Amino acid sequence: MKNRCNLNALSNITLSLLIITGVLMYSCKKKEPENILPTCTLTSPTDGESLYNNGTCTVSVSAEDEDGSVSEVRISINGVGMSSLSSFPYNYTWEIAGIDPGTYTILASAYDDDGGSTDHSIEVIIDETPMPLIDTRDNTTYSTVYIGGKLWMSENLAYDYGSSTYVYNSNVANKTPYGYLYTWNDACDVCTEGWHLLSKGEWEEAIEALGGSSVAGGYMKTTGTAYWDSPNYNASNTSGFNAYPGGKRINYGYYFIDMGQKAYFWTSSTDYLDEKHSVVLSYDTDDATFLEQYDIYALSVRCMKDY
């Protein structure tokens, strides 16, 4: 009986030693570090950027892996795989000439050497490439631009409409780049066939598409101070509108004001007092504001394609 007890005690001791040994071995075993996922950022184009459907677009991705290496970067557009890149720089040339206008989702996926991955996606807007406007009345060609999905002239109209067509200070040299100044009645009729003078509502839609009235002026003004007076506040011309400070003619044409400081554009709209609405951009702000004008004043004109 005594020997059996001793054997049982020895067995228990042996079992305990085995358990302790196993615990020690498990606790001493080195744990594998958790994989850190790679970084992945689409750097070009930018989210929300508008592109014309001509030429190519370079899709660029920044990808790094802190605890290893990036093994692959995949690029897809609207769910269709376009490229697999295995080495830096992670650039893909996207052929956009002639593709359908619309919104496209670009997705980049970076994979590391442990199989981990990170995604980043953006949306870009593809617009129809604007065709120049050729005014067949005098064969003048005007550049154009899409703003808010509508096609605009991106130059001031410079068609001689007769006795109520003016250049600033009656100096023909001011026709370039400011164009002519027109009274409101003429402005409503002066656009070439298939184009029209914008209403206040159409201007409001465009200004909203450019971020609102508090910033749209900066996006529409040409840059620098060659034409605009300093400081030409926040002028970037990112819209491609190409606004120049052509001033206006007032008081039955006795004098002209504001060249270098303000750009005035007629709308086709009137208010309840029959005053005519205009859009004003200024050298000292990035606002785009509406201001009533007398119809005998002469302002610049931009035309929009009929839709």
Protein backbone atom coordinates (compact mmCIF):
# COMPACT_ATOMS: atom_id res chain seq x y z
CA MET A 1 0.00 0.00 0.00
CA LYS A 2 2.80 2.37 0.86
CA ASN A 3 4.58 1.68 -2.42
CA ARG A 4 1.39 2.35 -4.38
CA CYS A 5 1.01 5.72 -2.67
CA ASN A 6 4.59 6.57 -3.45
CA LEU A 7 4.04 5.67 -7.11
CA ASN A 8 0.92 7.82 -7.28
CA ALA A 9 2.76 10.74 -5.72
CA LEU A 10 5.62 10.28 -8.15
CA SER A 11 3.19 10.22 -11.06
CA ASN A 12 1.56 13.42 -9.89
CA ILE A 13 4.93 15.07 -9.51
CA THR A 14 5.96 13.93 -12.98
CA LEU A 15 2.70 15.24 -14.49
CA SER A 16 3.13 18.55 -12.74
CA LEU A 17 6.67 18.87 -14.03
CA LEU A 18 5.52 18.13 -17.58
CA ILE A 19 2.79 20.78 -17.33
CA ILE A 20 5.21 23.34 -15.91
CA THR A 21 7.74 22.50 -18.61
CA GLY A 22 5.10 22.90 -21.32
CA VAL A 23 3.96 26.22 -19.94
CA LEU A 24 7.54 27.48 -19.77
CA MET A 25 8.26 26.33 -23.30
CA TYR A 26 5.07 28.01 -24.61
CA SER A 27 5.79 31.24 -22.79
CA CYS A 28 9.36 31.29 -24.00
CA LYS A 29 8.38 30.64 -27.61
CA LYS A 30 8.92 33.81 -29.68
CA LYS A 31 5.68 35.29 -31.06
CA GLU A 32 5.60 36.34 -34.69
CA PRO A 33 4.97 40.11 -35.03
CA GLU A 34 1.65 41.15 -36.55
CA ASN A 35 1.94 42.25 -40.18
CA ILE A 36 1.69 46.00 -40.72
CA LEU A 37 -0.38 46.71 -43.82
CA PRO A 38 1.14 48.80 -46.61
CA THR A 39 0.14 52.40 -47.28
CA CYS A 40 -1.63 53.19 -50.54
CA THR A 41 -2.58 56.65 -51.85
CA LEU A 42 -3.65 57.77 -55.30
CA THR A 43 -1.73 61.00 -55.80
CA SER A 44 -2.79 61.81 -59.37
CA PRO A 45 -5.36 62.64 -60.59
CA THR A 46 -7.07 64.17 -57.57
CA ASP A 47 -10.46 63.19 -56.21
CA GLY A 48 -13.21 65.03 -58.07
CA GLU A 49 -10.89 66.34 -60.80
CA SER A 50 -12.40 67.03 -64.23
CA LEU A 51 -10.56 65.86 -67.34
CA TYR A 52 -11.27 66.22 -71.03
CA ASN A 53 -11.51 63.05 -73.11
CA ASN A 54 -8.42 63.67 -75.18
CA GLY A 55 -4.85 62.41 -74.81
CA THR A 56 -3.84 60.47 -71.73
CA CYS A 57 -4.02 60.71 -67.94
CA THR A 58 -1.19 59.53 -65.68
CA VAL A 59 -2.53 57.59 -62.70
CA SER A 60 0.10 57.74 -59.92
CA VAL A 61 0.12 55.78 -56.67
CA SER A 62 2.25 56.23 -53.57
CA ALA A 63 2.74 52.89 -51.76
CA GLU A 64 5.13 51.84 -48.95
CA ASP A 65 5.45 48.97 -46.48
CA GLU A 66 6.90 49.64 -43.03
CA ASP A 67 7.85 46.05 -42.14
CA GLY A 68 8.64 44.61 -45.54
CA SER A 69 8.21 45.53 -49.15
CA VAL A 70 5.44 46.32 -51.59
CA SER A 71 5.12 43.38 -53.95
CA GLU A 72 2.43 44.72 -56.26
CA VAL A 73 0.17 47.68 -56.96
CA ARG A 74 -2.99 46.99 -58.91
CA ILE A 75 -5.07 49.67 -60.64
CA SER A 76 -8.65 49.25 -61.77
CA ILE A 77 -11.11 51.70 -63.30
CA ASN A 78 -14.84 51.20 -62.86
CA GLY A 79 -14.15 47.68 -61.63
CA VAL A 80 -12.03 46.64 -64.60
CA GLY A 81 -8.38 45.74 -63.93
CA MET A 82 -6.09 47.99 -65.92
CA SER A 83 -2.55 47.43 -64.66
CA SER A 84 -0.34 45.49 -62.23
CA LEU A 85 2.83 47.30 -61.17
CA SER A 86 5.66 45.55 -59.35
CA SER A 87 8.20 48.35 -59.03
CA PHE A 88 8.41 52.05 -58.20
CA PRO A 89 7.26 54.46 -59.61
CA TYR A 90 3.72 53.14 -59.57
CA ASN A 91 2.40 54.99 -62.62
CA TYR A 92 -0.17 53.90 -65.18
CA THR A 93 -0.92 55.76 -68.41
CA TRP A 94 -4.68 55.82 -68.91
CA GLU A 95 -5.82 56.43 -72.48
CA ILE A 96 -8.82 58.74 -72.20
CA ALA A 97 -9.02 60.01 -75.78
CA GLY A 98 -12.55 59.49 -77.05
CA ILE A 99 -13.95 57.67 -74.00
CA ASP A 100 -17.52 58.38 -72.97
CA PRO A 101 -18.05 61.39 -70.69
CA GLY A 102 -19.09 60.51 -67.15
CA THR A 103 -17.82 59.74 -63.65
CA TYR A 104 -15.06 57.12 -63.35
CA THR A 105 -13.89 55.40 -60.16
CA ILE A 106 -10.16 54.68 -59.96
CA LEU A 107 -9.14 52.05 -57.40
CA ALA A 108 -5.54 51.37 -56.34
CA SER A 109 -4.62 48.32 -54.23
CA ALA A 110 -1.15 47.88 -52.70
CA TYR A 111 0.00 44.38 -51.62
CA ASP A 112 2.95 43.60 -49.33
CA ASP A 113 5.19 40.52 -49.24
CA ASP A 114 3.07 39.00 -46.43
CA GLY A 115 -0.12 39.10 -48.50
CA GLY A 116 -1.62 42.12 -46.75
CA SER A 117 -3.26 44.83 -48.82
CA THR A 118 -4.65 48.38 -48.62
CA ASP A 119 -7.02 50.12 -51.05
CA HIS A 120 -7.62 53.74 -52.02
CA SER A 121 -10.20 54.99 -54.50
CA ILE A 122 -11.12 58.34 -56.06
CA GLU A 123 -13.63 59.58 -58.62
CA VAL A 124 -12.80 61.69 -61.68
CA ILE A 125 -15.14 63.35 -64.14
CA ILE A 126 -14.50 62.96 -67.86
CA ASP A 127 -15.94 65.77 -69.98
CA GLU A 128 -16.29 66.05 -73.72
CA THR A 129 -13.32 67.95 -75.14
CA PRO A 130 -14.60 71.46 -75.92
CA MET A 131 -14.55 72.43 -79.56
CA PRO A 132 -13.74 76.03 -80.45
CA LEU A 133 -16.57 78.34 -81.49
CA ILE A 134 -16.21 79.79 -84.97
CA ASP A 135 -18.38 82.86 -85.41
CA THR A 136 -19.25 82.64 -89.11
CA ARG A 137 -20.33 86.29 -89.17
CA ASP A 138 -16.70 87.45 -89.11
CA ASN A 139 -14.82 84.09 -88.92
CA THR A 140 -13.48 84.83 -85.44
CA THR A 141 -12.53 81.71 -83.49
CA TYR A 142 -13.17 81.62 -79.73
CA SER A 143 -11.87 79.07 -77.24
CA THR A 144 -14.50 77.32 -75.12
CA VAL A 145 -14.72 75.57 -71.76
CA TYR A 146 -17.14 73.32 -69.90
CA ILE A 147 -18.39 74.71 -66.60
CA GLY A 148 -21.13 72.87 -64.74
CA GLY A 149 -21.56 70.56 -67.72
CA LYS A 150 -22.38 73.43 -70.11
CA LEU A 151 -20.20 74.80 -72.90
CA TRP A 152 -19.15 78.45 -72.53
CA MET A 153 -17.01 80.84 -74.50
CA SER A 154 -13.75 81.25 -72.58
CA GLU A 155 -13.05 84.58 -74.25
CA ASN A 156 -15.04 87.81 -74.32
CA LEU A 157 -17.15 88.32 -77.40
CA ALA A 158 -15.52 90.65 -79.94
CA TYR A 159 -18.12 90.93 -82.68
CA ASP A 160 -18.81 94.43 -84.01
CA TYR A 161 -22.57 94.81 -83.64
CA GLY A 162 -22.75 98.36 -84.89
CA SER A 163 -23.05 101.82 -83.36
CA SER A 164 -23.63 100.59 -79.81
CA THR A 165 -20.53 98.40 -79.76
CA TYR A 166 -17.63 99.87 -77.81
CA VAL A 167 -14.02 99.28 -76.87
CA TYR A 168 -12.65 100.63 -73.63
CA ASN A 169 -11.65 104.32 -73.93
CA SER A 170 -12.50 104.04 -77.64
CA ASN A 171 -9.04 102.54 -78.12
CA VAL A 172 -9.15 99.64 -80.58
CA ALA A 173 -6.02 98.17 -78.96
CA ASN A 174 -8.23 97.24 -75.99
CA LYS A 175 -10.22 94.81 -78.13
CA THR A 176 -7.57 92.22 -77.18
CA PRO A 177 -8.00 90.60 -74.72
CA TYR A 178 -11.05 92.45 -73.39
CA GLY A 179 -13.37 92.16 -76.37
CA TYR A 180 -16.17 94.64 -77.02
CA LEU A 181 -18.54 96.22 -74.50
CA TYR A 182 -22.27 96.05 -75.31
CA THR A 183 -25.40 97.72 -74.02
CA TRP A 184 -27.89 95.29 -72.52
CA ASN A 185 -30.32 95.30 -75.46
CA ASP A 186 -27.53 94.46 -77.87
CA ALA A 187 -26.03 91.90 -75.49
CA CYS A 188 -29.28 89.93 -75.53
CA ASP A 189 -29.07 89.55 -79.33
CA VAL A 190 -25.36 89.62 -80.15
CA CYS A 191 -24.43 85.95 -79.64
CA THR A 192 -24.01 83.93 -82.82
CA GLU A 193 -26.58 81.35 -83.93
CA GLY A 194 -26.75 78.34 -81.62
CA TRP A 195 -25.46 80.34 -78.65
CA HIS A 196 -27.11 82.73 -76.20
CA LEU A 197 -26.50 85.27 -73.45
CA LEU A 198 -26.69 83.49 -70.11
CA SER A 199 -29.54 84.11 -67.69
CA LYS A 200 -28.87 84.86 -64.04
CA GLY A 201 -29.97 81.30 -63.23
CA GLU A 202 -27.42 79.81 -65.63
CA TRP A 203 -24.70 81.94 -64.06
CA GLU A 204 -25.82 80.81 -60.60
CA GLU A 205 -25.54 77.15 -61.65
CA ALA A 206 -22.00 77.72 -62.94
CA ILE A 207 -20.93 79.62 -59.84
CA GLU A 208 -22.30 76.85 -57.64
CA ALA A 209 -20.40 74.26 -59.72
CA LEU A 210 -17.22 76.23 -58.99
CA GLY A 211 -17.72 76.08 -55.22
CA GLY A 212 -20.08 78.99 -54.60
CA SER A 213 -20.04 82.75 -54.88
CA SER A 214 -17.39 83.24 -52.16
CA VAL A 215 -14.65 81.49 -54.17
CA ALA A 216 -15.80 81.18 -57.79
CA GLY A 217 -14.33 84.54 -58.78
CA GLY A 218 -10.83 83.35 -57.99
CA TYR A 219 -11.36 80.24 -60.08
CA MET A 220 -12.51 82.37 -63.03
CA LYS A 221 -9.93 85.18 -63.06
CA THR A 222 -6.75 85.00 -65.09
CA THR A 223 -3.66 84.87 -62.89
CA GLY A 224 -0.98 87.46 -62.19
CA THR A 225 -1.04 91.24 -62.39
CA ALA A 226 -0.22 91.85 -66.05
CA TYR A 227 -3.88 92.77 -66.58
CA TRP A 228 -5.42 92.67 -63.12
CA ASP A 229 -4.41 95.22 -60.51
CA SER A 230 -2.59 93.86 -57.46
CA PRO A 231 -3.29 91.76 -55.49
CA ASN A 232 -5.64 89.94 -57.91
CA TYR A 233 -6.79 88.10 -54.83
CA ASN A 234 -6.79 84.29 -55.00
CA ALA A 235 -6.83 84.22 -58.81
CA SER A 236 -6.13 80.70 -60.08
CA ASN A 237 -8.23 80.41 -63.27
CA THR A 238 -8.64 76.70 -62.54
CA SER A 239 -12.02 76.79 -64.30
CA GLY A 240 -10.42 77.88 -67.57
CA PHE A 241 -12.91 80.75 -67.81
CA ASN A 242 -10.13 83.32 -68.48
CA ALA A 243 -11.76 86.44 -67.03
CA TYR A 244 -9.97 89.70 -67.83
CA PRO A 245 -10.77 93.02 -66.09
CA GLY A 246 -12.37 94.82 -69.02
CA GLY A 247 -14.24 97.41 -66.95
CA LYS A 248 -17.41 99.04 -68.30
CA ARG A 249 -18.81 102.07 -70.09
CA ILE A 250 -21.28 104.23 -68.14
CA ASN A 251 -23.27 107.49 -68.27
CA TYR A 252 -24.24 107.30 -71.96
CA GLY A 253 -20.65 106.59 -72.93
CA TYR A 254 -19.13 109.74 -71.52
CA TYR A 255 -16.51 107.72 -69.70
CA PHE A 256 -15.19 104.25 -68.93
CA ILE A 257 -14.23 102.84 -65.52
CA ASP A 258 -12.61 99.89 -63.74
CA MET A 259 -10.28 98.42 -66.37
CA GLY A 260 -7.70 96.42 -64.42
CA GLN A 261 -9.96 96.21 -61.39
CA LYS A 262 -13.24 94.58 -62.39
CA ALA A 263 -14.78 92.31 -65.00
CA TYR A 264 -18.47 92.90 -65.72
CA PHE A 265 -20.62 90.38 -67.61
CA TRP A 266 -24.23 90.88 -68.68
CA THR A 267 -26.94 88.35 -67.90
CA SER A 268 -30.22 88.26 -69.82
CA SER A 269 -32.22 88.69 -66.59
CA THR A 270 -33.93 91.71 -65.07
CA ASP A 271 -35.34 92.42 -61.60
CA TYR A 272 -38.76 93.75 -60.59
CA LEU A 273 -37.58 97.34 -61.14
CA ASP A 274 -36.45 96.38 -64.65
CA GLU A 275 -32.80 96.80 -63.73
CA LYS A 276 -30.52 94.37 -65.49
CA HIS A 277 -28.43 91.78 -63.67
CA SER A 278 -24.69 91.48 -64.21
CA VAL A 279 -21.92 89.33 -62.76
CA VAL A 280 -18.89 91.11 -61.30
CA LEU A 281 -15.38 89.80 -60.54
CA SER A 282 -12.89 92.03 -58.74
CA TYR A 283 -9.13 92.33 -58.27
CA ASP A 284 -9.41 92.53 -54.46
CA THR A 285 -11.66 89.53 -53.75
CA ASP A 286 -12.37 86.03 -55.03
CA ASP A 287 -16.14 86.56 -54.90
CA ALA A 288 -18.44 86.30 -57.89
CA THR A 289 -21.30 88.71 -57.20
CA PHE A 290 -24.45 89.94 -58.93
CA LEU A 291 -24.97 93.64 -59.42
CA GLU A 292 -27.81 95.56 -61.09
CA GLN A 293 -26.87 97.83 -64.00
CA TYR A 294 -28.66 100.35 -66.19
CA ASP A 295 -29.30 98.94 -69.65
CA ILE A 296 -27.49 101.89 -71.25
CA TYR A 297 -24.23 100.80 -69.65
CA ALA A 298 -21.92 98.67 -71.79
CA LEU A 299 -20.41 95.47 -70.35
CA SER A 300 -18.59 92.39 -71.57
CA VAL A 301 -20.46 89.39 -73.00
CA ARG A 302 -19.91 85.66 -72.73
CA CYS A 303 -22.18 83.28 -74.64
CA MET A 304 -23.29 79.71 -73.82
CA LYS A 305 -24.13 77.00 -76.30
CA ASP A 306 -27.86 76.32 -76.67
CA TYR A 307 -29.08 73.10 -75.03
